[in-house]
């Protein structure tokens, strides 16, 4: 039995095409669009596979993010319960909060991702992209695109935004890999979580004493004692993790998808006018979030004829929703000329990704720059040998050896 066979259904991808959801998702969309499944630890949740149903649930405030226990998709913890190990939910992590608390915390950072702020950041992001392309060229092929480009570009950007010193011994990417892997044991998960919090706590304490020109410093200057250090740790780590994890995985597996679709690659590389549409289509096609935040119903709610009772939990399968035939004609085709339509890769409703403008800007700059610098970019290993992050909440590749 392979690892893919033991993973909960939302984490499985098509054995013949790693960019596609498991074929079972197509059957469910047609016959059981809202169905009961068992995930790790034996929890039973409602799985939502269609776009319209998923959007309705993500936008319905009767489905709570706050009431869902942390670690619901983790393996069985043995003699310890997840409630015991994870009872100290991190304040400030606003994706795990409901309004009005969610609104209060989110508003503290929303301005950091405004259009004006993105215009200010653009030259710096361009410089970071070029720096890592120069390093790739100097190293010479083959190189691991994830290690040399996909991971360091967004990591550098979000670290600079948060004021993380360059010499700070803080393996946040390593801790994130453990924390987003649904097969992680508590023996590895808890130390990673604690280390991530400890590192951010040090940054918060430094900024509390001397607020810097960074996100944490500006929140402290504007909100003072009304925001606690614990909340700042939660806010900081949420931005740090989400700010590098999602874009890094999109740059990695997105490049692989482009290499498998050379005609689409050429469009993205050669036509500046198609970049925005192309990146959005690539994000839809790959759909690296395997699911949205698991929600808990706070009342009996009927969705598309299915009664979801108060207290039951719901999981929206993002890759399936983004391949819904009723929403996207010929959904399994990567097509940069496709007429744009809203998808769910960035979420929906009050929890719509707060950093979407940054993620888009990074991809709009990084993908074309990579393809122009290395017009002969190709895989340096057989396609069948690429290793995927199959058990992570955010899908991607572990590494991507490339040459040119």
Protein backbone atom coordinates (compact mmCIF):
# COMPACT_ATOMS: atom_id res chain seq x y z
CA UNK A 1 0.00 0.00 0.00
CA UNK A 2 1.38 3.42 -0.95
CA UNK A 3 1.23 6.58 1.15
CA UNK A 4 -1.33 7.97 -1.30
CA UNK A 5 -3.66 5.06 -0.50
CA UNK A 6 -3.56 5.87 3.23
CA UNK A 7 -4.10 9.60 2.88
CA UNK A 8 -7.54 11.14 3.42
CA UNK A 9 -9.32 11.65 0.10
CA UNK A 10 -8.83 15.47 -0.01
CA UNK A 11 -5.04 14.95 -0.16
CA UNK A 12 -5.01 12.44 -3.00
CA UNK A 13 -4.17 13.37 -6.58
CA UNK A 14 -4.62 11.47 -9.83
CA UNK A 15 -1.92 8.81 -10.19
CA UNK A 16 -1.68 9.60 -13.93
CA UNK A 17 -1.57 13.39 -13.60
CA UNK A 18 -0.23 14.91 -10.36
CA UNK A 19 -1.95 18.24 -11.06
CA UNK A 20 -5.44 16.68 -11.06
CA UNK A 21 -7.59 15.75 -8.06
CA UNK A 22 -8.21 12.08 -7.38
CA UNK A 23 -10.74 10.73 -9.94
CA UNK A 24 -13.07 9.94 -7.04
CA UNK A 25 -13.71 13.69 -6.78
CA UNK A 26 -15.27 13.73 -10.24
CA UNK A 27 -17.61 10.90 -9.28
CA UNK A 28 -18.61 12.69 -6.09
CA UNK A 29 -19.31 15.96 -7.93
CA UNK A 30 -21.68 14.08 -10.22
CA UNK A 31 -23.43 11.84 -7.70
CA UNK A 32 -22.65 12.82 -4.09
CA UNK A 33 -21.47 16.44 -4.10
CA UNK A 34 -21.77 16.66 -0.30
CA UNK A 35 -20.75 13.37 1.28
CA UNK A 36 -19.43 11.97 4.55
CA UNK A 37 -15.79 10.91 4.71
CA UNK A 38 -13.37 9.82 7.41
CA UNK A 39 -10.12 11.71 7.81
CA UNK A 40 -7.04 11.01 9.94
CA UNK A 41 -7.78 10.29 13.55
CA UNK A 42 -11.16 8.81 12.67
CA UNK A 43 -13.03 12.12 12.47
CA UNK A 44 -16.01 12.13 10.12
CA UNK A 45 -16.68 15.33 8.19
CA UNK A 46 -18.80 16.50 5.29
CA UNK A 47 -16.74 16.74 2.10
CA UNK A 48 -17.93 19.41 -0.36
CA UNK A 49 -16.77 18.91 -3.96
CA UNK A 50 -18.71 21.39 -6.12
CA UNK A 51 -17.81 25.04 -6.66
CA UNK A 52 -21.18 26.62 -5.85
CA UNK A 53 -21.64 24.61 -2.66
CA UNK A 54 -18.08 25.32 -1.56
CA UNK A 55 -18.44 29.05 -2.16
CA UNK A 56 -21.74 29.12 -0.28
CA UNK A 57 -20.25 27.39 2.76
CA UNK A 58 -17.06 29.46 2.82
CA UNK A 59 -19.18 32.61 2.67
CA UNK A 60 -21.73 31.52 5.29
CA UNK A 61 -20.96 32.79 8.80
CA UNK A 62 -23.00 29.97 10.29
CA UNK A 63 -19.94 27.82 9.60
CA UNK A 64 -17.35 28.67 12.23
CA UNK A 65 -13.57 28.57 11.95
CA UNK A 66 -13.18 29.20 15.67
CA UNK A 67 -15.05 26.13 16.86
CA UNK A 68 -13.03 23.62 14.86
CA UNK A 69 -10.43 21.86 17.04
CA UNK A 70 -6.86 22.37 15.97
CA UNK A 71 -5.14 19.32 14.53
CA UNK A 72 -8.33 17.66 13.32
CA UNK A 73 -6.56 16.04 10.37
CA UNK A 74 -3.58 14.78 12.36
CA UNK A 75 -2.96 11.06 12.96
CA UNK A 76 -4.11 9.42 16.16
CA UNK A 77 -2.01 10.80 19.04
CA UNK A 78 -1.81 7.56 21.03
CA UNK A 79 -2.26 8.08 24.76
CA UNK A 80 -2.57 11.84 24.47
CA UNK A 81 -5.51 13.66 23.00
CA UNK A 82 -5.15 16.51 20.56
CA UNK A 83 -7.30 18.65 22.83
CA UNK A 84 -4.75 18.19 25.61
CA UNK A 85 -1.73 18.87 23.41
CA UNK A 86 -3.17 21.73 21.41
CA UNK A 87 -5.45 23.41 23.93
CA UNK A 88 -3.38 26.59 23.90
CA UNK A 89 -4.72 27.88 20.60
CA UNK A 90 -2.49 30.74 19.50
CA UNK A 91 -4.18 34.13 19.92
CA UNK A 92 -3.85 36.33 16.86
CA UNK A 93 -4.16 33.52 14.31
CA UNK A 94 -7.19 35.13 12.75
CA UNK A 95 -7.94 32.40 10.20
CA UNK A 96 -9.00 30.39 13.27
CA UNK A 97 -11.28 33.18 14.54
CA UNK A 98 -14.78 34.36 13.69
CA UNK A 99 -16.03 37.94 13.47
CA UNK A 100 -15.84 40.26 15.33
CA UNK A 101 -12.48 39.02 16.67
CA UNK A 102 -11.40 38.00 13.17
CA UNK A 103 -12.29 41.44 11.85
CA UNK A 104 -10.34 43.23 14.59
CA UNK A 105 -7.17 41.24 13.99
CA UNK A 106 -7.35 41.17 10.20
CA UNK A 107 -7.76 44.94 10.00
CA UNK A 108 -4.42 45.34 11.78
CA UNK A 109 -2.58 43.88 8.77
CA UNK A 110 -4.87 44.52 5.82
CA UNK A 111 -3.18 47.81 4.94
CA UNK A 112 0.15 46.01 4.52
CA UNK A 113 -1.29 44.37 1.39
CA UNK A 114 -2.97 47.39 -0.17
CA UNK A 115 -2.44 48.38 -3.81
CA UNK A 116 -0.30 51.31 -2.68
CA UNK A 117 1.88 49.05 -0.57
CA UNK A 118 2.33 46.60 -3.45
CA UNK A 119 3.46 49.45 -5.70
CA UNK A 120 6.07 50.37 -3.09
CA UNK A 121 7.24 46.77 -2.75
CA UNK A 122 7.42 45.98 -6.45
CA UNK A 123 11.01 47.23 -7.09
CA UNK A 124 12.32 45.31 -4.10
CA UNK A 125 10.57 42.09 -5.19
CA UNK A 126 11.97 42.53 -8.70
CA UNK A 127 15.46 42.87 -7.21
CA UNK A 128 14.99 39.74 -5.07
CA UNK A 129 13.82 37.76 -8.10
CA UNK A 130 16.80 38.90 -10.18
CA UNK A 131 19.22 38.15 -7.34
CA UNK A 132 18.13 34.53 -7.16
CA UNK A 133 18.08 34.15 -10.93
CA UNK A 134 21.68 35.41 -10.97
CA UNK A 135 22.57 32.86 -8.30
CA UNK A 136 20.95 30.07 -10.33
CA UNK A 137 22.86 31.10 -13.44
CA UNK A 138 26.14 31.27 -11.50
CA UNK A 139 25.60 27.83 -9.97
CA UNK A 140 24.95 26.34 -13.37
CA UNK A 141 22.68 23.43 -14.19
CA UNK A 142 21.36 21.28 -12.77
CA UNK A 143 19.88 23.13 -9.79
CA UNK A 144 16.95 22.51 -7.51
CA UNK A 145 14.46 25.20 -8.44
CA UNK A 146 12.69 24.90 -5.09
CA UNK A 147 15.84 25.44 -3.06
CA UNK A 148 17.39 28.13 -5.26
CA UNK A 149 14.35 30.12 -6.42
CA UNK A 150 10.81 29.05 -5.48
CA UNK A 151 11.38 29.00 -1.72
CA UNK A 152 13.86 31.87 -1.17
CA UNK A 153 12.01 34.50 -3.23
CA UNK A 154 8.78 34.66 -1.16
CA UNK A 155 10.65 33.80 2.04
CA UNK A 156 12.95 36.80 1.61
CA UNK A 157 10.02 39.08 0.85
CA UNK A 158 7.91 38.12 3.86
CA UNK A 159 10.92 38.11 6.21
CA UNK A 160 11.79 41.65 5.16
CA UNK A 161 8.18 42.72 5.64
CA UNK A 162 8.19 41.28 9.16
CA UNK A 163 11.64 42.60 10.01
CA UNK A 164 13.29 39.19 10.45
CA UNK A 165 17.07 39.81 10.64
CA UNK A 166 19.12 38.08 7.95
CA UNK A 167 21.30 36.42 10.58
CA UNK A 168 18.37 35.25 12.70
CA UNK A 169 18.63 31.51 13.40
CA UNK A 170 14.99 30.70 12.66
CA UNK A 171 14.22 27.66 10.48
CA UNK A 172 10.63 28.71 9.86
CA UNK A 173 10.43 26.84 6.53
CA UNK A 174 11.46 23.60 8.21
CA UNK A 175 8.99 24.07 11.04
CA UNK A 176 6.26 24.89 8.53
CA UNK A 177 6.90 21.68 6.57
CA UNK A 178 6.33 19.68 9.74
CA UNK A 179 3.26 21.63 10.84
CA UNK A 180 1.52 21.40 7.46
CA UNK A 181 2.16 17.68 7.04
CA UNK A 182 -0.93 15.72 8.12
CA UNK A 183 1.23 12.66 8.72
CA UNK A 184 3.44 14.45 11.26
CA UNK A 185 3.52 12.85 14.69
CA UNK A 186 2.87 14.86 17.81
CA UNK A 187 6.48 14.16 18.76
CA UNK A 188 7.61 16.28 15.81
CA UNK A 189 4.64 18.63 15.56
CA UNK A 190 4.69 20.06 19.07
CA UNK A 191 8.43 20.98 19.08
CA UNK A 192 8.07 22.59 15.64
CA UNK A 193 5.06 24.61 16.77
CA UNK A 194 6.84 25.70 19.94
CA UNK A 195 10.01 26.67 18.07
CA UNK A 196 8.02 28.73 15.57
CA UNK A 197 6.28 30.56 18.40
CA UNK A 198 9.54 31.10 20.30
CA UNK A 199 11.24 32.64 17.29
CA UNK A 200 8.37 35.02 16.60
CA UNK A 201 8.09 35.89 20.28
CA UNK A 202 11.70 37.09 20.19
CA UNK A 203 10.90 39.35 17.23
CA UNK A 204 7.79 40.68 18.96
CA UNK A 205 9.68 41.48 22.15
CA UNK A 206 12.35 43.31 20.17
CA UNK A 207 9.76 45.40 18.32
CA UNK A 208 7.82 46.09 21.51
CA UNK A 209 10.96 47.70 22.97
CA UNK A 210 11.93 49.45 19.73
CA UNK A 211 9.26 49.32 17.00
CA UNK A 212 10.89 48.91 13.60
CA UNK A 213 9.80 49.87 10.10
CA UNK A 214 8.04 46.56 9.56
CA UNK A 215 4.62 44.98 9.94
CA UNK A 216 5.04 44.14 13.63
CA UNK A 217 6.50 47.52 14.45
CA UNK A 218 3.71 49.38 12.69
CA UNK A 219 1.00 47.34 14.45
CA UNK A 220 2.62 48.14 17.80
CA UNK A 221 2.88 51.84 16.99
CA UNK A 222 -0.73 52.03 15.86
CA UNK A 223 -2.43 49.77 18.40
CA UNK A 224 -0.12 49.84 21.40
CA UNK A 225 -1.31 47.88 24.40
CA UNK A 226 -4.63 46.99 22.74
CA UNK A 227 -2.80 44.19 20.94
CA UNK A 228 -1.06 41.66 23.18
CA UNK A 229 2.33 40.08 22.58
CA UNK A 230 0.63 36.70 22.21
CA UNK A 231 -1.62 38.12 19.50
CA UNK A 232 1.39 39.59 17.73
CA UNK A 233 3.07 36.18 17.79
CA UNK A 234 0.00 34.66 16.18
CA UNK A 235 -0.34 37.40 13.58
CA UNK A 236 3.37 37.29 12.77
CA UNK A 237 3.53 33.54 12.35
CA UNK A 238 0.34 33.42 10.31
CA UNK A 239 1.81 35.95 7.88
CA UNK A 240 5.22 34.29 7.93
CA UNK A 241 3.91 30.79 7.22
CA UNK A 242 1.25 31.75 4.69
CA UNK A 243 3.50 34.39 3.15
CA UNK A 244 6.15 31.91 2.03
CA UNK A 245 4.44 28.51 1.99
CA UNK A 246 1.78 29.12 -0.62
CA UNK A 247 3.78 31.15 -3.13
CA UNK A 248 6.84 28.92 -2.82
CA UNK A 249 4.80 25.84 -3.64
CA UNK A 250 3.04 27.58 -6.52
CA UNK A 251 6.37 28.67 -8.02
CA UNK A 252 7.69 25.12 -7.72
CA UNK A 253 4.83 22.97 -8.94
CA UNK A 254 3.58 25.77 -11.20
CA UNK A 255 6.88 25.67 -13.08
CA UNK A 256 6.52 21.91 -13.43
CA UNK A 257 3.03 22.36 -14.88
CA UNK A 258 4.40 24.92 -17.35
CA UNK A 259 7.15 22.55 -18.45
CA UNK A 260 4.46 19.95 -19.16
CA UNK A 261 2.49 22.49 -21.23
CA UNK A 262 5.12 24.18 -23.44
CA UNK A 263 2.59 26.11 -25.51
CA UNK A 264 1.19 27.74 -22.37
CA UNK A 265 4.71 28.35 -21.09
CA UNK A 266 5.53 30.25 -24.27
CA UNK A 267 2.44 32.44 -23.87
CA UNK A 268 3.36 33.37 -20.31
CA UNK A 269 6.99 34.00 -21.23
CA UNK A 270 6.44 36.04 -24.39
CA UNK A 271 3.23 38.04 -23.90
CA UNK A 272 3.20 40.53 -20.99
CA UNK A 273 -0.51 41.09 -21.52
CA UNK A 274 -1.35 37.48 -20.65
CA UNK A 275 0.61 37.27 -17.39
CA UNK A 276 -2.20 38.19 -14.99
CA UNK A 277 -4.71 35.84 -16.62
CA UNK A 278 -2.12 33.08 -17.01
CA UNK A 279 -1.06 33.09 -13.37
CA UNK A 280 -4.67 33.02 -12.19
CA UNK A 281 -5.41 30.07 -14.47
CA UNK A 282 -2.28 28.28 -13.27
CA UNK A 283 -3.37 28.79 -9.66
CA UNK A 284 -6.81 27.36 -10.47
CA UNK A 285 -5.40 24.42 -12.40
CA UNK A 286 -2.91 23.30 -9.74
CA UNK A 287 -4.96 24.35 -6.67
CA UNK A 288 -2.26 23.81 -4.07
CA UNK A 289 -4.57 24.23 -1.01
CA UNK A 290 -6.02 20.73 -0.67
CA UNK A 291 -8.94 22.13 1.29
CA UNK A 292 -10.19 25.23 3.02
CA UNK A 293 -10.17 25.64 6.78
CA UNK A 294 -12.39 22.99 8.31
CA UNK A 295 -15.58 24.68 9.48
CA UNK A 296 -18.08 23.74 12.19
CA UNK A 297 -21.78 24.38 11.68
CA UNK A 298 -23.29 26.57 14.41
CA UNK A 299 -26.87 25.77 13.34
CA UNK A 300 -28.70 23.28 11.17
CA UNK A 301 -27.95 24.39 7.60
CA UNK A 302 -29.25 22.88 4.36
CA UNK A 303 -26.78 23.14 1.47
CA UNK A 304 -27.91 21.95 -1.96
CA UNK A 305 -30.50 19.67 -0.38
CA UNK A 306 -28.15 18.20 2.24
CA UNK A 307 -28.81 18.89 5.92
CA UNK A 308 -25.66 19.71 7.85
CA UNK A 309 -26.49 19.64 11.53
CA UNK A 310 -25.35 22.00 14.27
CA UNK A 311 -21.90 20.89 15.45
CA UNK A 312 -20.97 18.88 12.35
CA UNK A 313 -17.79 19.73 10.51
CA UNK A 314 -17.36 20.58 6.85
CA UNK A 315 -14.36 20.51 4.53
CA UNK A 316 -14.38 22.14 1.08
CA UNK A 317 -12.19 20.27 -1.42
CA UNK A 318 -10.57 23.21 -3.24
CA UNK A 319 -8.97 21.24 -6.13
CA UNK A 320 -12.31 19.56 -6.86
CA UNK A 321 -14.29 22.82 -6.70
CA UNK A 322 -11.80 24.41 -9.08
CA UNK A 323 -12.33 21.56 -11.56
CA UNK A 324 -16.13 21.74 -11.43
CA UNK A 325 -17.48 21.28 -14.96
CA UNK A 326 -20.48 23.47 -14.23
CA UNK A 327 -18.18 26.39 -13.43
CA UNK A 328 -15.19 25.92 -15.74
CA UNK A 329 -15.68 24.53 -19.27
CA UNK A 330 -13.16 21.76 -19.99
CA UNK A 331 -11.78 22.22 -16.46
CA UNK A 332 -8.93 19.72 -16.72
CA UNK A 333 -7.24 21.75 -19.46
CA UNK A 334 -4.63 24.41 -18.63
CA UNK A 335 -5.63 27.29 -20.90
CA UNK A 336 -4.24 30.81 -20.55
CA UNK A 337 -6.76 32.11 -23.07
CA UNK A 338 -9.63 30.95 -20.88
CA UNK A 339 -12.11 33.66 -19.93
CA UNK A 340 -11.30 34.41 -16.26
CA UNK A 341 -13.75 33.20 -13.64
CA UNK A 342 -13.46 33.40 -9.88
CA UNK A 343 -12.06 30.24 -8.28
CA UNK A 344 -11.58 29.17 -4.66
CA UNK A 345 -7.79 28.75 -4.44
CA UNK A 346 -7.56 31.95 -2.38
CA UNK A 347 -10.64 31.13 -0.33
CA UNK A 348 -13.90 33.09 -0.18
CA UNK A 349 -15.83 35.27 2.25
CA UNK A 350 -14.36 36.87 5.36
CA UNK A 351 -11.40 34.48 5.27
CA UNK A 352 -10.43 35.33 1.68
CA UNK A 353 -6.62 35.38 1.65
CA UNK A 354 -5.45 38.69 3.15
CA UNK A 355 -2.13 38.45 1.29
CA UNK A 356 -3.50 37.63 -2.15
CA UNK A 357 -2.18 40.86 -3.66
CA UNK A 358 1.35 40.01 -2.52
CA UNK A 359 1.16 36.43 -3.77
CA UNK A 360 -0.08 37.57 -7.15
CA UNK A 361 2.60 40.24 -7.47
CA UNK A 362 5.35 37.77 -6.62
CA UNK A 363 4.09 35.27 -9.19
CA UNK A 364 3.47 37.95 -11.84
CA UNK A 365 7.12 38.95 -11.50
CA UNK A 366 8.78 35.59 -10.82
CA UNK A 367 7.30 33.32 -13.48
CA UNK A 368 8.02 35.51 -16.55
CA UNK A 369 11.46 36.48 -15.23
CA UNK A 370 12.40 32.82 -14.73
CA UNK A 371 11.19 31.80 -18.17
CA UNK A 372 12.88 34.72 -19.93
CA UNK A 373 16.20 34.19 -18.14
CA UNK A 374 16.21 30.48 -18.98
CA UNK A 375 14.26 30.05 -22.25
CA UNK A 376 15.53 26.47 -22.54
CA UNK A 377 14.45 25.53 -19.03
CA UNK A 378 13.73 21.82 -18.70
CA UNK A 379 13.48 19.07 -16.12
CA UNK A 380 16.82 17.54 -15.18
CA UNK A 381 15.18 14.27 -14.07
CA UNK A 382 12.44 12.12 -15.60
CA UNK A 383 8.98 13.49 -14.88
CA UNK A 384 8.14 10.24 -13.09
CA UNK A 385 10.95 10.86 -10.58
CA UNK A 386 9.59 14.17 -9.25
CA UNK A 387 8.66 13.88 -5.58
CA UNK A 388 5.45 15.53 -4.34
CA UNK A 389 4.31 16.89 -0.98
CA UNK A 390 1.33 14.56 -0.95
CA UNK A 391 0.56 14.70 2.76
CA UNK A 392 0.88 18.45 3.23
CA UNK A 393 -2.03 20.81 3.59
CA UNK A 394 -0.39 22.82 0.81
CA UNK A 395 0.45 20.65 -2.20
CA UNK A 396 3.70 21.03 -4.09
CA UNK A 397 6.99 19.35 -4.94
CA UNK A 398 9.78 18.57 -2.50
CA UNK A 399 12.36 19.52 -5.10
CA UNK A 400 12.47 20.29 -8.80
CA UNK A 401 15.82 19.59 -10.50
CA UNK A 402 16.05 21.72 -13.65
CA UNK A 403 18.58 22.44 -16.35
CA UNK A 404 18.80 24.76 -19.37
